Amino acid sequence: MDVCLIPFKLNKLTLASNPIKIYEYLAAGKQVVSTALPEICENFSGIVKIAEDDDDFLRKVEESVIESIKPKENDVISKRIDLAKANSWEKRVDIIEKLLLDN
């Protein structure tokens, strides 16, 4: 797969979601196109292509497919992988453990 998708329909439920699939996509270094979920917009805007509407989603998928044919930029792939690593379960446990020990 060259481009990974998070095509959530925007509604009350999805606006409050954190699609953990994104971490798997980024850990593989893949390009991601997503609908404008708040969690994605706030935390991944520099790495994930975020679509404003249906037409924009299709346009960004097409752009990503074309980009996937070009030689890979290792620094972009590394940024994706590093972001996923920073959000691993081990890192999250470390944060929680630190919070518990500090209190």
Protein backbone atom coordinates (compact mmCIF):
# COMPACT_ATOMS: atom_id res chain seq x y z
CA MET A 1 0.00 0.00 0.00
CA ASP A 2 1.41 3.38 -0.99
CA VAL A 3 -1.09 5.69 0.69
CA CYS A 4 -2.98 5.01 3.90
CA LEU A 5 -6.42 6.49 4.50
CA ILE A 6 -8.41 7.71 7.46
CA PRO A 7 -11.67 8.55 5.68
CA PHE A 8 -13.87 9.12 8.73
CA LYS A 9 -17.20 10.77 8.16
CA LEU A 10 -17.32 13.81 10.42
CA ASN A 11 -19.99 13.48 13.09
CA LYS A 12 -20.35 13.81 16.86
CA LEU A 13 -18.67 10.44 17.51
CA THR A 14 -15.74 10.78 15.11
CA LEU A 15 -15.03 14.37 16.12
CA ALA A 16 -14.13 13.00 19.56
CA SER A 17 -12.07 10.07 18.26
CA ASN A 18 -8.36 9.38 18.15
CA PRO A 19 -7.83 6.94 15.28
CA ILE A 20 -4.96 4.82 16.59
CA LYS A 21 -4.53 3.30 13.14
CA ILE A 22 -2.56 6.45 12.27
CA TYR A 23 0.31 5.32 14.50
CA GLU A 24 0.56 2.03 12.61
CA TYR A 25 0.56 3.86 9.28
CA LEU A 26 3.24 6.30 10.43
CA ALA A 27 5.34 3.53 11.99
CA ALA A 28 5.50 2.00 8.51
CA GLY A 29 6.63 5.37 7.14
CA LYS A 30 3.58 5.62 4.91
CA GLN A 31 1.83 8.71 3.59
CA VAL A 32 -1.52 9.32 5.24
CA VAL A 33 -4.57 11.21 4.00
CA SER A 34 -7.26 11.94 6.57
CA THR A 35 -10.49 13.80 6.97
CA ALA A 36 -10.24 16.83 9.26
CA LEU A 37 -10.62 15.12 12.62
CA PRO A 38 -9.64 17.45 15.47
CA GLU A 39 -7.10 14.95 16.84
CA ILE A 40 -5.41 14.71 13.44
CA CYS A 41 -5.48 18.47 12.84
CA GLU A 42 -3.99 19.23 16.26
CA ASN A 43 -1.26 16.60 16.33
CA PHE A 44 -0.40 15.56 12.79
CA SER A 45 -0.94 18.55 10.50
CA GLY A 46 2.71 18.73 9.45
CA ILE A 47 2.95 15.06 8.55
CA VAL A 48 -0.52 13.96 7.40
CA LYS A 49 -2.46 15.41 4.48
CA ILE A 50 -5.74 16.65 5.89
CA ALA A 51 -8.71 17.02 3.55
CA GLU A 52 -11.24 19.81 3.89
CA ASP A 53 -14.02 18.05 1.97
CA ASP A 54 -14.69 15.04 -0.28
CA ASP A 55 -13.13 16.58 -3.39
CA ASP A 56 -10.05 17.66 -1.45
CA PHE A 57 -9.73 14.14 -0.01
CA LEU A 58 -9.67 12.62 -3.48
CA ARG A 59 -7.23 15.26 -4.70
CA LYS A 60 -4.87 14.59 -1.79
CA VAL A 61 -5.03 10.84 -2.35
CA GLU A 62 -4.15 11.37 -6.02
CA GLU A 63 -1.26 13.68 -5.04
CA SER A 64 0.00 11.11 -2.56
CA VAL A 65 -0.12 8.29 -5.10
CA ILE A 66 1.91 10.40 -7.54
CA GLU A 67 4.38 11.29 -4.77
CA SER A 68 4.73 7.61 -3.86
CA ILE A 69 6.14 6.91 -7.33
CA LYS A 70 8.93 9.45 -6.82
CA PRO A 71 12.11 8.49 -4.98
CA LYS A 72 11.49 8.36 -1.25
CA GLU A 73 12.64 11.25 0.92
CA ASN A 74 14.22 9.50 3.89
CA ASP A 75 13.87 12.50 6.20
CA VAL A 76 10.09 12.62 5.63
CA ILE A 77 9.79 8.89 6.24
CA SER A 78 11.98 9.23 9.35
CA LYS A 79 9.73 12.01 10.70
CA ARG A 80 6.69 9.75 10.31
CA ILE A 81 8.41 6.85 12.05
CA ASP A 82 9.76 9.08 14.84
CA LEU A 83 6.29 10.50 15.49
CA ALA A 84 4.89 6.98 15.79
CA LYS A 85 7.73 5.97 18.15
CA ALA A 86 7.05 9.01 20.32
CA ASN A 87 3.49 7.72 20.73
CA SER A 88 4.28 4.07 21.41
CA TRP A 89 2.64 2.29 24.33
CA GLU A 90 6.02 2.23 26.10
CA LYS A 91 6.33 6.02 25.80
CA ARG A 92 2.78 6.48 27.06
CA VAL A 93 3.43 4.23 30.05
CA ASP A 94 6.61 6.22 30.80
CA ILE A 95 4.58 9.46 30.81
CA ILE A 96 1.89 7.99 33.07
CA GLU A 97 4.49 6.50 35.40
CA LYS A 98 6.29 9.85 35.66
CA LEU A 99 3.02 11.63 36.43
CA LEU A 100 2.21 9.12 39.16
CA LEU A 101 5.68 9.35 40.71
CA ASP A 102 5.70 13.16 40.64
CA ASN A 103 2.44 13.34 42.58
